[in-house]
N, C-alpha and C. Protein backbone atom coordinates (compact mmCIF):
# COMPACT_ATOMS: atom_id res chain seq x y z
N UNK A 1 -5.59 -5.43 7.52
CA UNK A 1 -5.80 -4.11 8.78
C UNK A 1 -4.57 -5.13 9.77
N UNK A 2 -3.72 -3.98 9.89
CA UNK A 2 -2.17 -4.27 11.30
C UNK A 2 -2.79 -3.62 12.47
N UNK A 3 -2.78 -4.12 13.11
CA UNK A 3 -2.37 -3.15 14.44
C UNK A 3 -1.78 -2.99 14.94
N UNK A 4 -0.84 -3.58 15.01
CA UNK A 4 0.72 -3.39 15.69
C UNK A 4 1.57 -2.40 15.34
N UNK A 5 1.72 -1.17 16.09
CA UNK A 5 2.62 -0.45 16.18
C UNK A 5 3.96 -0.40 15.75
N UNK A 6 4.19 -1.94 16.21
CA UNK A 6 6.02 -2.32 15.76
C UNK A 6 5.97 -2.80 14.07
N UNK A 7 4.77 -3.27 13.60
CA UNK A 7 5.01 -4.38 12.44
C UNK A 7 4.91 -2.64 11.34
N UNK A 8 5.57 -3.50 10.76
CA UNK A 8 6.58 -2.60 9.24
C UNK A 8 4.62 -2.99 8.18
N UNK A 9 3.95 -2.24 8.01
CA UNK A 9 2.83 -2.37 7.24
C UNK A 9 3.45 -2.43 6.07
N UNK A 10 4.06 -1.97 5.58
CA UNK A 10 4.25 -1.95 4.05
C UNK A 10 5.45 -3.72 3.72
N UNK A 11 6.18 -3.73 5.19
CA UNK A 11 6.87 -4.98 4.45
C UNK A 11 5.56 -6.25 4.65
N UNK A 12 4.81 -6.30 5.78
CA UNK A 12 3.71 -7.49 5.80
C UNK A 12 3.34 -7.51 4.48
N UNK A 13 2.75 -6.43 4.20
CA UNK A 13 2.14 -6.23 2.63
C UNK A 13 2.74 -6.87 1.50
N UNK A 14 4.14 -6.55 1.51
CA UNK A 14 5.16 -7.01 0.65
C UNK A 14 5.37 -8.19 0.70
N UNK A 15 5.43 -9.08 2.10
CA UNK A 15 5.17 -10.31 1.91
C UNK A 15 4.20 -10.62 2.08
N UNK A 16 3.20 -10.20 1.69
CA UNK A 16 1.71 -11.43 1.24
C UNK A 16 1.97 -11.39 0.02
N UNK A 17 2.38 -9.81 -0.62
CA UNK A 17 2.43 -9.58 -1.82
C UNK A 17 3.16 -10.67 -2.94
N UNK A 18 4.36 -11.58 -2.16
CA UNK A 18 5.38 -12.06 -2.76
C UNK A 18 5.24 -13.55 -2.53
N UNK A 19 4.54 -13.95 -1.44
CA UNK A 19 3.78 -15.32 -1.81
C UNK A 19 2.95 -15.66 -2.47
N UNK A 20 1.63 -14.70 -2.87
CA UNK A 20 0.96 -14.96 -3.45
C UNK A 20 1.93 -15.33 -5.08
N UNK A 21 2.38 -14.33 -5.31
CA UNK A 21 3.08 -14.44 -6.61
C UNK A 21 3.75 -15.57 -6.96
N UNK A 22 4.42 -16.50 -5.67
CA UNK A 22 5.25 -17.13 -5.91
C UNK A 22 4.78 -18.73 -5.70
N UNK A 23 3.47 -18.36 -5.39
CA UNK A 23 2.75 -20.02 -4.99
C UNK A 23 1.32 -19.72 -5.81
N UNK A 24 0.86 -18.94 -6.87
CA UNK A 24 -0.29 -18.49 -7.60
C UNK A 24 0.60 -18.20 -8.90
N UNK A 25 -0.57 -17.91 -9.92
CA UNK A 25 -0.43 -17.40 -11.00
C UNK A 25 -0.89 -15.85 -10.89
N UNK A 26 -1.34 -15.59 -9.64
CA UNK A 26 -1.73 -14.16 -9.50
C UNK A 26 -0.61 -13.43 -9.50
N UNK A 27 -1.00 -11.71 -9.84
CA UNK A 27 0.14 -10.68 -9.52
C UNK A 27 -1.03 -9.61 -7.94
N UNK A 28 -0.34 -9.15 -7.49
CA UNK A 28 -1.36 -7.81 -6.78
C UNK A 28 -0.61 -6.99 -6.56
N UNK A 29 -1.50 -5.90 -6.81
CA UNK A 29 -1.05 -4.42 -6.70
C UNK A 29 -1.79 -4.45 -5.06
N UNK A 30 -1.20 -3.49 -4.60
CA UNK A 30 -1.48 -3.39 -2.94
C UNK A 30 -1.34 -1.56 -2.76
N UNK A 31 -2.09 -1.34 -2.25
CA UNK A 31 -2.03 0.31 -1.23
C UNK A 31 -2.36 0.71 -0.21
N UNK A 32 -1.59 1.15 0.92
CA UNK A 32 -1.81 1.29 1.92
C UNK A 32 -2.11 2.53 2.64
N UNK A 33 -2.33 2.76 3.76
CA UNK A 33 -2.41 3.92 4.04
C UNK A 33 -2.12 3.91 5.51
N UNK A 34 -2.23 5.04 6.52
CA UNK A 34 -1.30 5.06 8.39
C UNK A 34 -2.62 5.84 8.60
N UNK A 35 -3.12 5.47 9.98
CA UNK A 35 -4.09 6.14 10.54
C UNK A 35 -3.48 7.03 11.37
N UNK A 36 -4.10 8.43 11.24
CA UNK A 36 -3.54 9.45 11.98
C UNK A 36 -4.78 10.14 12.43
N UNK A 37 -4.74 11.19 13.53
CA UNK A 37 -5.40 11.26 14.05
C UNK A 37 -6.17 12.52 13.19
N UNK A 38 -7.87 12.41 13.81
CA UNK A 38 -8.43 13.23 13.10
C UNK A 38 -8.84 12.91 11.51
N UNK A 39 -8.49 11.72 11.38
CA UNK A 39 -9.13 11.13 10.37
C UNK A 39 -9.73 9.99 10.05
N UNK A 40 -11.08 10.25 9.26
CA UNK A 40 -12.12 9.48 9.00
C UNK A 40 -11.70 8.11 8.64
N UNK A 41 -12.32 7.04 8.79
CA UNK A 41 -12.23 5.78 8.27
C UNK A 41 -12.24 5.51 7.13
N UNK A 42 -13.92 6.25 6.28
CA UNK A 42 -13.75 7.00 4.96
C UNK A 42 -12.35 7.32 4.14
N UNK A 43 -11.95 8.17 4.93
CA UNK A 43 -10.80 9.00 4.55
C UNK A 43 -9.72 7.89 3.87
N UNK A 44 -9.39 7.16 5.29
CA UNK A 44 -8.62 6.71 5.33
C UNK A 44 -8.41 5.23 3.71
N UNK A 45 -9.68 4.66 4.12
CA UNK A 45 -10.03 4.11 2.43
C UNK A 45 -9.90 4.32 1.54
N UNK A 46 -9.85 6.07 1.33
CA UNK A 46 -10.03 6.57 0.26
C UNK A 46 -8.59 6.59 -0.25
N UNK A 47 -7.67 6.73 1.13
CA UNK A 47 -6.08 7.18 0.82
C UNK A 47 -5.53 5.98 0.17
N UNK A 48 -5.93 4.71 1.00
CA UNK A 48 -5.54 3.14 0.31
C UNK A 48 -5.92 2.48 -0.82
N UNK A 49 -7.04 3.40 -1.37
CA UNK A 49 -7.15 3.14 -2.49
C UNK A 49 -6.69 4.10 -3.64
N UNK A 50 -6.40 5.12 -3.03
CA UNK A 50 -5.16 5.93 -4.05
C UNK A 50 -4.07 5.54 -4.13
N UNK A 51 -3.54 4.75 -3.13
CA UNK A 51 -2.04 4.22 -2.96
C UNK A 51 -2.74 2.80 -4.28
N UNK A 52 -3.27 1.98 -4.06
CA UNK A 52 -3.62 1.10 -4.86
C UNK A 52 -3.52 0.99 -6.34
N UNK A 53 -3.76 2.46 -6.33
CA UNK A 53 -4.45 3.11 -8.06
C UNK A 53 -2.99 3.03 -8.56
N UNK A 54 -2.26 3.81 -7.61
CA UNK A 54 -0.69 4.01 -7.94
C UNK A 54 0.02 3.39 -8.89
N UNK A 55 -0.11 2.13 -7.71
CA UNK A 55 0.71 0.78 -7.47
C UNK A 55 0.04 0.09 -9.38
N UNK A 56 -1.28 -0.08 -9.69
CA UNK A 56 -1.74 -0.51 -10.79
C UNK A 56 -0.95 0.05 -11.82
N UNK A 57 -1.48 1.48 -11.65
CA UNK A 57 -0.87 2.36 -12.83
C UNK A 57 0.55 2.73 -13.12
N UNK A 58 1.32 1.93 -12.42
CA UNK A 58 2.87 2.35 -12.53
C UNK A 58 3.81 1.64 -12.37
N UNK A 59 2.61 -0.07 -12.69
CA UNK A 59 3.21 -0.63 -12.93
C UNK A 59 3.03 -2.65 -12.42
N UNK A 60 1.93 -2.36 -12.18
CA UNK A 60 0.76 -3.36 -10.88
C UNK A 60 2.41 -4.23 -10.30
N UNK A 61 1.93 -5.01 -10.06
CA UNK A 61 2.37 -6.39 -8.85
C UNK A 61 3.39 -5.31 -8.24
N UNK A 62 2.83 -4.45 -7.35
CA UNK A 62 3.58 -3.43 -6.00
C UNK A 62 2.80 -3.20 -5.01
N UNK A 63 3.81 -2.71 -4.11
CA UNK A 63 3.02 -2.49 -2.80
C UNK A 63 3.23 -0.67 -2.80
N UNK A 64 2.26 0.03 -2.74
CA UNK A 64 2.35 1.63 -2.40
C UNK A 64 2.08 2.15 -1.40
N UNK A 65 2.86 3.01 -0.64
CA UNK A 65 2.21 3.50 0.64
C UNK A 65 1.54 4.96 0.00
N UNK A 66 0.61 5.31 1.05
CA UNK A 66 0.08 6.34 0.55
C UNK A 66 0.32 7.60 1.06
N UNK A 67 0.80 9.05 0.40
CA UNK A 67 1.72 9.80 0.59
C UNK A 67 0.66 11.12 0.60
N UNK A 68 0.78 11.56 1.69
CA UNK A 68 -0.55 13.36 1.66
C UNK A 68 0.14 13.79 0.07
N UNK A 69 -0.77 14.80 -0.31
CA UNK A 69 -0.60 15.56 -1.38
C UNK A 69 0.18 16.88 -0.41
N UNK A 70 -0.19 16.96 0.32
CA UNK A 70 0.55 17.93 1.25
C UNK A 70 1.97 18.24 1.15
N UNK A 71 2.30 16.84 1.31
CA UNK A 71 4.17 16.77 1.32
C UNK A 71 4.74 17.05 -0.13
N UNK A 72 3.93 17.02 -1.13
CA UNK A 72 4.25 16.97 -2.07
C UNK A 72 5.57 15.82 -2.76
N UNK A 73 5.26 14.63 -2.39
CA UNK A 73 5.88 13.66 -2.75
C UNK A 73 4.42 12.95 -3.17
N UNK A 74 5.34 11.87 -4.18
CA UNK A 74 4.70 10.75 -4.54
C UNK A 74 4.48 9.54 -4.12
N UNK A 75 3.53 8.55 -4.21
CA UNK A 75 3.30 7.83 -3.01
C UNK A 75 4.55 6.78 -3.00
N UNK A 76 5.21 6.05 -2.12
CA UNK A 76 6.28 5.71 -2.41
C UNK A 76 5.65 3.75 -2.67
N UNK A 77 7.08 3.33 -3.09
CA UNK A 77 6.63 2.36 -3.72
C UNK A 77 7.72 0.99 -3.53
N UNK A 78 6.84 0.09 -3.74
CA UNK A 78 8.12 -1.26 -3.31
C UNK A 78 8.26 -1.71 -4.50
N UNK A 79 9.67 -1.74 -5.18
CA UNK A 79 9.04 -1.79 -6.60
C UNK A 79 9.96 -3.22 -6.42
N UNK A 80 8.68 -4.13 -7.38
CA UNK A 80 9.11 -5.76 -7.52
C UNK A 80 9.23 -5.96 -8.95
N UNK A 81 9.49 -7.64 -8.81
CA UNK A 81 9.42 -8.05 -10.31
C UNK A 81 8.46 -8.50 -10.97
């Protein structure tokens, strides 16, 4: 969990993913969501889980940001090798 409003959550997650990949034989699929007013914690976790599933099903070893279905956009991915 990143609580600093100045931090770019996707970049923090990508740095973690890249370091794990570089230092181990493990790869990571990461999903994240951003806290918004009136979104309960359970929904926030569900959104991050949906984004992680998108990472896993679209090639693995990447970071994906949750995007609301109302925006008609797919989750945003950080494509990695």
